[in-house]
């Protein structure tokens, strides 16, 4: 049985996981990229994208965990594409270029069917129209005991938590205010009631908070 985890989920001081108005130029919405600036200098991230060097320490350890022992990934459609509605033949294959670094199956929740896309390096995008439970079952089977990473967006994470299917969520609070966008939680007290919090870890300038399912 795989463990289902959401790691390195960056949120603003006011609780937003993404900015508004996602577009080709701003995949994370307006100012959404600011939430992830703590990741970019780390050694684990730079190694993931094929660059040398980088910082080590607490932040790097958290980033590295997001790449280690992952057998499958689940995400909502908005994390895969800026388009909405029925798929068109526009050749879109995700934000990550011709050689995505996942190198394992990625299951995308959508209301609109589409044939799987094999990127040729172990990354295969599967489009799941049968709902959350089906994505859970498929990813659990294919991960073969490795962890399954649930990337989001916020609505996908809330659904997994409400269904009792997310074992752990690691949230990184970033000292940025967005004021509007996509909230991670609508009612944290209610949505986190299945979870217990571990002691926070503060690493300038961010705060790591992990919740594990009771």
C-alpha atoms as a PDB file:
ATOM      1  CA  UNK A   1       0.000   0.000   0.000  1.00  0.00           C
ATOM      2  CA  UNK A   2       1.417   3.372  -0.995  1.00  0.00           C
ATOM      3  CA  UNK A   3       1.552   6.418   1.226  1.00  0.00           C
ATOM      4  CA  UNK A   4      -0.213   9.441  -0.262  1.00  0.00           C
ATOM      5  CA  UNK A   5       1.618  12.668   0.516  1.00  0.00           C
ATOM      6  CA  UNK A   6       1.420  16.343  -0.385  1.00  0.00           C
ATOM      7  CA  UNK A   7       4.815  17.953   0.154  1.00  0.00           C
ATOM      8  CA  UNK A   8       6.259  21.434  -0.301  1.00  0.00           C
ATOM      9  CA  UNK A   9       2.820  22.998  -0.634  1.00  0.00           C
ATOM     10  CA  UNK A  10       3.728  26.684  -0.584  1.00  0.00           C
ATOM     11  CA  UNK A  11       1.150  29.152   0.691  1.00  0.00           C
ATOM     12  CA  UNK A  12       1.166  32.879   1.307  1.00  0.00           C
ATOM     13  CA  UNK A  13       0.838  34.484   4.725  1.00  0.00           C
ATOM     14  CA  UNK A  14      -2.840  34.979   3.972  1.00  0.00           C
ATOM     15  CA  UNK A  15      -3.402  31.359   2.932  1.00  0.00           C
ATOM     16  CA  UNK A  16      -3.288  31.435  -0.862  1.00  0.00           C
ATOM     17  CA  UNK A  17      -1.721  28.579  -2.796  1.00  0.00           C
ATOM     18  CA  UNK A  18      -1.872  30.355  -6.166  1.00  0.00           C
ATOM     19  CA  UNK A  19      -2.576  33.785  -7.540  1.00  0.00           C
ATOM     20  CA  UNK A  20      -5.530  34.691  -9.758  1.00  0.00           C
ATOM     21  CA  UNK A  21      -5.732  34.694 -13.563  1.00  0.00           C
ATOM     22  CA  UNK A  22      -3.621  31.694 -14.531  1.00  0.00           C
ATOM     23  CA  UNK A  23      -2.195  32.136 -18.030  1.00  0.00           C
ATOM     24  CA  UNK A  24       0.548  30.870 -20.317  1.00  0.00           C
ATOM     25  CA  UNK A  25       2.854  33.550 -18.952  1.00  0.00           C
ATOM     26  CA  UNK A  26       1.877  32.997 -15.315  1.00  0.00           C
ATOM     27  CA  UNK A  27       1.157  29.286 -14.718  1.00  0.00           C
ATOM     28  CA  UNK A  28       0.747  29.889 -10.967  1.00  0.00           C
ATOM     29  CA  UNK A  29      -1.421  32.968 -11.405  1.00  0.00           C
ATOM     30  CA  UNK A  30      -0.406  36.548 -10.793  1.00  0.00           C
ATOM     31  CA  UNK A  31       2.503  36.675  -8.333  1.00  0.00           C
ATOM     32  CA  UNK A  32       2.142  32.955  -7.666  1.00  0.00           C
ATOM     33  CA  UNK A  33       5.769  32.303  -8.513  1.00  0.00           C
ATOM     34  CA  UNK A  34       6.788  34.321  -5.438  1.00  0.00           C
ATOM     35  CA  UNK A  35       5.543  31.456  -3.273  1.00  0.00           C
ATOM     36  CA  UNK A  36       8.218  29.127  -4.628  1.00  0.00           C
ATOM     37  CA  UNK A  37      11.326  31.276  -4.542  1.00  0.00           C
ATOM     38  CA  UNK A  38      12.511  29.423  -1.424  1.00  0.00           C
ATOM     39  CA  UNK A  39      12.768  26.232  -3.532  1.00  0.00           C
ATOM     40  CA  UNK A  40      14.817  27.479  -6.477  1.00  0.00           C
ATOM     41  CA  UNK A  41      18.224  27.906  -4.764  1.00  0.00           C
ATOM     42  CA  UNK A  42      18.226  24.459  -3.140  1.00  0.00           C
ATOM     43  CA  UNK A  43      20.594  21.764  -4.251  1.00  0.00           C
ATOM     44  CA  UNK A  44      17.788  19.223  -4.630  1.00  0.00           C
ATOM     45  CA  UNK A  45      15.808  21.439  -6.981  1.00  0.00           C
ATOM     46  CA  UNK A  46      18.833  22.437  -9.039  1.00  0.00           C
ATOM     47  CA  UNK A  47      19.849  18.814  -9.366  1.00  0.00           C
ATOM     48  CA  UNK A  48      16.292  17.939 -10.448  1.00  0.00           C
ATOM     49  CA  UNK A  49      16.490  20.405 -13.339  1.00  0.00           C
ATOM     50  CA  UNK A  50      20.052  19.427 -14.236  1.00  0.00           C
ATOM     51  CA  UNK A  51      22.031  22.293 -12.702  1.00  0.00           C
ATOM     52  CA  UNK A  52      25.013  22.045 -10.347  1.00  0.00           C
ATOM     53  CA  UNK A  53      25.406  23.559  -6.908  1.00  0.00           C
ATOM     54  CA  UNK A  54      22.728  24.925  -4.644  1.00  0.00           C
ATOM     55  CA  UNK A  55      22.041  25.403  -0.966  1.00  0.00           C
ATOM     56  CA  UNK A  56      21.832  22.632   1.601  1.00  0.00           C
ATOM     57  CA  UNK A  57      20.114  22.500   4.962  1.00  0.00           C
ATOM     58  CA  UNK A  58      16.526  22.282   6.172  1.00  0.00           C
ATOM     59  CA  UNK A  59      14.819  23.667   3.082  1.00  0.00           C
ATOM     60  CA  UNK A  60      16.879  21.455   0.810  1.00  0.00           C
ATOM     61  CA  UNK A  61      15.966  18.391   2.882  1.00  0.00           C
ATOM     62  CA  UNK A  62      12.257  19.102   2.460  1.00  0.00           C
ATOM     63  CA  UNK A  63      12.616  19.686  -1.281  1.00  0.00           C
ATOM     64  CA  UNK A  64      14.610  16.475  -1.672  1.00  0.00           C
ATOM     65  CA  UNK A  65      11.895  14.471   0.028  1.00  0.00           C
ATOM     66  CA  UNK A  66       9.473  15.543  -2.685  1.00  0.00           C
ATOM     67  CA  UNK A  67      11.622  13.778  -5.274  1.00  0.00           C
ATOM     68  CA  UNK A  68      12.555  10.665  -3.295  1.00  0.00           C
ATOM     69  CA  UNK A  69      10.716   7.338  -3.513  1.00  0.00           C
ATOM     70  CA  UNK A  70       7.846   8.726  -5.611  1.00  0.00           C
ATOM     71  CA  UNK A  71       6.093   6.128  -7.746  1.00  0.00           C
ATOM     72  CA  UNK A  72       3.270   8.277  -9.148  1.00  0.00           C
ATOM     73  CA  UNK A  73       1.861  11.793  -9.014  1.00  0.00           C
ATOM     74  CA  UNK A  74      -1.736  13.043  -8.969  1.00  0.00           C
ATOM     75  CA  UNK A  75      -2.794  16.557  -9.920  1.00  0.00           C
ATOM     76  CA  UNK A  76      -5.834  18.499 -11.004  1.00  0.00           C
ATOM     77  CA  UNK A  77      -6.258  19.665 -14.569  1.00  0.00           C
ATOM     78  CA  UNK A  78      -5.377  23.278 -13.762  1.00  0.00           C
ATOM     79  CA  UNK A  79      -1.892  22.171 -12.711  1.00  0.00           C
ATOM     80  CA  UNK A  80      -1.389  20.543 -16.101  1.00  0.00           C
ATOM     81  CA  UNK A  81      -2.832  23.101 -18.500  1.00  0.00           C
ATOM     82  CA  UNK A  82      -4.128  26.673 -18.668  1.00  0.00           C
ATOM     83  CA  UNK A  83      -7.058  25.616 -20.866  1.00  0.00           C
ATOM     84  CA  UNK A  84     -10.560  24.820 -19.664  1.00  0.00           C
ATOM     85  CA  UNK A  85     -13.370  22.727 -21.135  1.00  0.00           C
ATOM     86  CA  UNK A  86     -12.937  20.029 -23.776  1.00  0.00           C
ATOM     87  CA  UNK A  87      -9.394  19.296 -24.892  1.00  0.00           C
ATOM     88  CA  UNK A  88      -8.340  20.688 -28.250  1.00  0.00           C
ATOM     89  CA  UNK A  89      -5.693  19.424 -30.647  1.00  0.00           C
ATOM     90  CA  UNK A  90      -3.218  22.148 -29.744  1.00  0.00           C
ATOM     91  CA  UNK A  91      -0.328  19.827 -28.914  1.00  0.00           C
ATOM     92  CA  UNK A  92      -0.241  20.834 -25.239  1.00  0.00           C
ATOM     93  CA  UNK A  93       1.767  18.354 -23.156  1.00  0.00           C
ATOM     94  CA  UNK A  94       2.144  20.186 -19.850  1.00  0.00           C
ATOM     95  CA  UNK A  95       4.252  23.018 -18.487  1.00  0.00           C
ATOM     96  CA  UNK A  96       7.446  20.962 -18.213  1.00  0.00           C
ATOM     97  CA  UNK A  97       8.766  20.804 -21.782  1.00  0.00           C
ATOM     98  CA  UNK A  98       9.583  17.769 -23.940  1.00  0.00           C
ATOM     99  CA  UNK A  99      11.360  15.883 -21.138  1.00  0.00           C
ATOM    100  CA  UNK A 100       9.374  16.283 -17.896  1.00  0.00           C
ATOM    101  CA  UNK A 101      11.392  15.343 -14.840  1.00  0.00           C
ATOM    102  CA  UNK A 102       8.683  13.244 -13.189  1.00  0.00           C
ATOM    103  CA  UNK A 103       9.900  10.029 -14.829  1.00  0.00           C
ATOM    104  CA  UNK A 104       6.913   8.156 -13.448  1.00  0.00           C
ATOM    105  CA  UNK A 105       3.166   8.054 -14.258  1.00  0.00           C
ATOM    106  CA  UNK A 106       1.181  11.236 -13.608  1.00  0.00           C
ATOM    107  CA  UNK A 107      -2.602  11.029 -13.178  1.00  0.00           C
ATOM    108  CA  UNK A 108      -4.546  14.167 -14.072  1.00  0.00           C
ATOM    109  CA  UNK A 109      -8.094  14.633 -12.794  1.00  0.00           C
ATOM    110  CA  UNK A 110     -10.353  16.019 -15.495  1.00  0.00           C
ATOM    111  CA  UNK A 111     -13.964  15.965 -16.666  1.00  0.00           C
ATOM    112  CA  UNK A 112     -12.882  15.621 -20.292  1.00  0.00           C
ATOM    113  CA  UNK A 113     -11.386  12.417 -21.736  1.00  0.00           C
ATOM    114  CA  UNK A 114      -8.038  12.418 -23.472  1.00  0.00           C
ATOM    115  CA  UNK A 115      -5.614   9.722 -24.592  1.00  0.00           C
ATOM    116  CA  UNK A 116      -2.573   9.151 -22.393  1.00  0.00           C
ATOM    117  CA  UNK A 117       0.631  10.930 -23.428  1.00  0.00           C
ATOM    118  CA  UNK A 118       3.896   8.999 -23.198  1.00  0.00           C
ATOM    119  CA  UNK A 119       6.770  11.484 -22.995  1.00  0.00           C
ATOM    120  CA  UNK A 120       9.353   8.763 -23.584  1.00  0.00           C
ATOM    121  CA  UNK A 121      11.402   9.144 -20.397  1.00  0.00           C
ATOM    122  CA  UNK A 122       9.166   7.291 -17.963  1.00  0.00           C
ATOM    123  CA  UNK A 123       6.733  10.198 -17.644  1.00  0.00           C
ATOM    124  CA  UNK A 124       3.274   9.186 -18.845  1.00  0.00           C
ATOM    125  CA  UNK A 125       0.353  11.569 -18.431  1.00  0.00           C
ATOM    126  CA  UNK A 126      -2.917   9.710 -17.815  1.00  0.00           C
ATOM    127  CA  UNK A 127      -6.219  11.591 -17.826  1.00  0.00           C
ATOM    128  CA  UNK A 128      -8.720  10.269 -15.284  1.00  0.00           C
ATOM    129  CA  UNK A 129     -12.393  11.127 -15.778  1.00  0.00           C
ATOM    130  CA  UNK A 130     -13.822   8.623 -13.274  1.00  0.00           C
ATOM    131  CA  UNK A 131     -13.067  10.739 -10.222  1.00  0.00           C
ATOM    132  CA  UNK A 132     -10.809  10.943  -7.213  1.00  0.00           C
ATOM    133  CA  UNK A 133     -11.231   7.367  -6.016  1.00  0.00           C
ATOM    134  CA  UNK A 134     -10.265   5.972  -9.413  1.00  0.00           C
ATOM    135  CA  UNK A 135      -7.125   8.118  -9.544  1.00  0.00           C
ATOM    136  CA  UNK A 136      -6.287   6.875  -6.057  1.00  0.00           C
ATOM    137  CA  UNK A 137      -6.670   3.246  -7.090  1.00  0.00           C
ATOM    138  CA  UNK A 138      -4.709   3.573 -10.326  1.00  0.00           C
ATOM    139  CA  UNK A 139      -1.812   5.436  -8.744  1.00  0.00           C
ATOM    140  CA  UNK A 140      -1.664   3.050  -5.782  1.00  0.00           C
ATOM    141  CA  UNK A 141      -1.442   0.076  -8.118  1.00  0.00           C
ATOM    142  CA  UNK A 142       1.226   1.530 -10.357  1.00  0.00           C
ATOM    143  CA  UNK A 143       3.376   3.036  -7.582  1.00  0.00           C
ATOM    144  CA  UNK A 144       4.048  -0.486  -6.321  1.00  0.00           C
ATOM    145  CA  UNK A 145       4.617   0.524  -2.712  1.00  0.00           C
ATOM    146  CA  UNK A 146       6.412   3.798  -3.386  1.00  0.00           C
ATOM    147  CA  UNK A 147       4.832   7.062  -2.269  1.00  0.00           C
ATOM    148  CA  UNK A 148       2.204   8.820  -4.357  1.00  0.00           C
ATOM    149  CA  UNK A 149       2.619  12.579  -4.459  1.00  0.00           C
ATOM    150  CA  UNK A 150      -0.569  14.644  -4.587  1.00  0.00           C
ATOM    151  CA  UNK A 151       0.468  17.997  -6.025  1.00  0.00           C
ATOM    152  CA  UNK A 152      -2.800  19.950  -6.010  1.00  0.00           C
ATOM    153  CA  UNK A 153      -4.221  22.373  -6.793  1.00  0.00           C
ATOM    154  CA  UNK A 154      -6.031  23.422  -3.671  1.00  0.00           C
ATOM    155  CA  UNK A 155      -9.373  21.880  -4.614  1.00  0.00           C
ATOM    156  CA  UNK A 156      -7.730  18.525  -5.321  1.00  0.00           C
ATOM    157  CA  UNK A 157      -5.937  18.580  -1.967  1.00  0.00           C
ATOM    158  CA  UNK A 158      -9.132  19.444  -0.092  1.00  0.00           C
ATOM    159  CA  UNK A 159     -10.989  16.608  -1.811  1.00  0.00           C
ATOM    160  CA  UNK A 160      -8.292  14.094  -0.898  1.00  0.00           C
ATOM    161  CA  UNK A 161      -8.306  15.244   2.716  1.00  0.00           C
ATOM    162  CA  UNK A 162     -12.100  15.180   2.974  1.00  0.00           C
ATOM    163  CA  UNK A 163     -12.143  11.644   1.576  1.00  0.00           C
ATOM    164  CA  UNK A 164      -9.517  10.512   4.100  1.00  0.00           C
ATOM    165  CA  UNK A 165      -7.119   9.537   1.332  1.00  0.00           C
ATOM    166  CA  UNK A 166      -4.222  11.889   2.067  1.00  0.00           C
ATOM    167  CA  UNK A 167      -1.814  10.530   4.670  1.00  0.00           C
ATOM    168  CA  UNK A 168       0.334  13.623   5.111  1.00  0.00           C
ATOM    169  CA  UNK A 169       0.420  17.259   4.037  1.00  0.00           C
ATOM    170  CA  UNK A 170       3.482  19.480   4.398  1.00  0.00           C
ATOM    171  CA  UNK A 171       2.732  23.194   4.099  1.00  0.00           C
ATOM    172  CA  UNK A 172       5.355  25.897   3.667  1.00  0.00           C
ATOM    173  CA  UNK A 173       4.263  29.360   4.759  1.00  0.00           C
ATOM    174  CA  UNK A 174       6.055  32.028   2.758  1.00  0.00           C
ATOM    175  CA  UNK A 175       6.301  35.669   3.935  1.00  0.00           C
ATOM    176  CA  UNK A 176       4.342  37.022   0.974  1.00  0.00           C
ATOM    177  CA  UNK A 177       0.780  38.324   0.870  1.00  0.00           C
ATOM    178  CA  UNK A 178      -1.247  37.732  -2.287  1.00  0.00           C
ATOM    179  CA  UNK A 179      -4.582  39.163  -1.028  1.00  0.00           C
ATOM    180  CA  UNK A 180      -6.517  37.141  -3.594  1.00  0.00           C
ATOM    181  CA  UNK A 181      -6.218  33.942  -5.619  1.00  0.00           C
ATOM    182  CA  UNK A 182      -6.806  30.275  -4.722  1.00  0.00           C
ATOM    183  CA  UNK A 183      -7.038  29.554  -1.000  1.00  0.00           C
ATOM    184  CA  UNK A 184      -5.577  26.277   0.185  1.00  0.00           C
ATOM    185  CA  UNK A 185      -8.237  25.946   2.896  1.00  0.00           C
ATOM    186  CA  UNK A 186     -11.688  27.440   3.172  1.00  0.00           C
ATOM    187  CA  UNK A 187     -12.048  26.373   6.814  1.00  0.00           C
ATOM    188  CA  UNK A 188      -8.746  25.054   8.225  1.00  0.00           C
ATOM    189  CA  UNK A 189     -10.251  23.872  11.518  1.00  0.00           C
ATOM    190  CA  UNK A 190     -12.776  21.715   9.696  1.00  0.00           C
ATOM    191  CA  UNK A 191     -10.538  20.571   6.865  1.00  0.00           C
ATOM    192  CA  UNK A 192      -7.665  19.589   9.162  1.00  0.00           C
ATOM    193  CA  UNK A 193      -9.787  17.797  11.751  1.00  0.00           C
ATOM    194  CA  UNK A 194      -8.590  14.383  10.531  1.00  0.00           C
ATOM    195  CA  UNK A 195      -4.959  15.394  11.102  1.00  0.00           C
ATOM    196  CA  UNK A 196      -2.549  16.102  13.934  1.00  0.00           C
ATOM    197  CA  UNK A 197       0.173  18.692  13.556  1.00  0.00           C
ATOM    198  CA  UNK A 198       3.858  17.993  14.060  1.00  0.00           C
ATOM    199  CA  UNK A 199       6.112  20.644  15.630  1.00  0.00           C
ATOM    200  CA  UNK A 200       6.807  23.403  13.094  1.00  0.00           C
ATOM    201  CA  UNK A 201      10.258  23.896  11.611  1.00  0.00           C
ATOM    202  CA  UNK A 202      11.329  27.464  10.874  1.00  0.00           C
ATOM    203  CA  UNK A 203      14.001  28.073   8.262  1.00  0.00           C
ATOM    204  CA  UNK A 204      14.543  31.661   7.234  1.00  0.00           C
ATOM    205  CA  UNK A 205      12.457  32.928   5.598  1.00  0.00           C
ATOM    206  CA  UNK A 206       9.809  30.164   5.572  1.00  0.00           C
ATOM    207  CA  UNK A 207       7.931  28.035   8.102  1.00  0.00           C
ATOM    208  CA  UNK A 208       7.392  24.321   7.523  1.00  0.00           C
ATOM    209  CA  UNK A 209       4.280  22.747   9.052  1.00  0.00           C
ATOM    210  CA  UNK A 210       3.464  19.074   8.607  1.00  0.00           C
ATOM    211  CA  UNK A 211       0.131  17.408   9.339  1.00  0.00           C
ATOM    212  CA  UNK A 212      -0.298  13.624   9.487  1.00  0.00           C
ATOM    213  CA  UNK A 213      -3.554  11.734   9.378  1.00  0.00           C
ATOM    214  CA  UNK A 214      -4.763  10.588  12.787  1.00  0.00           C
END
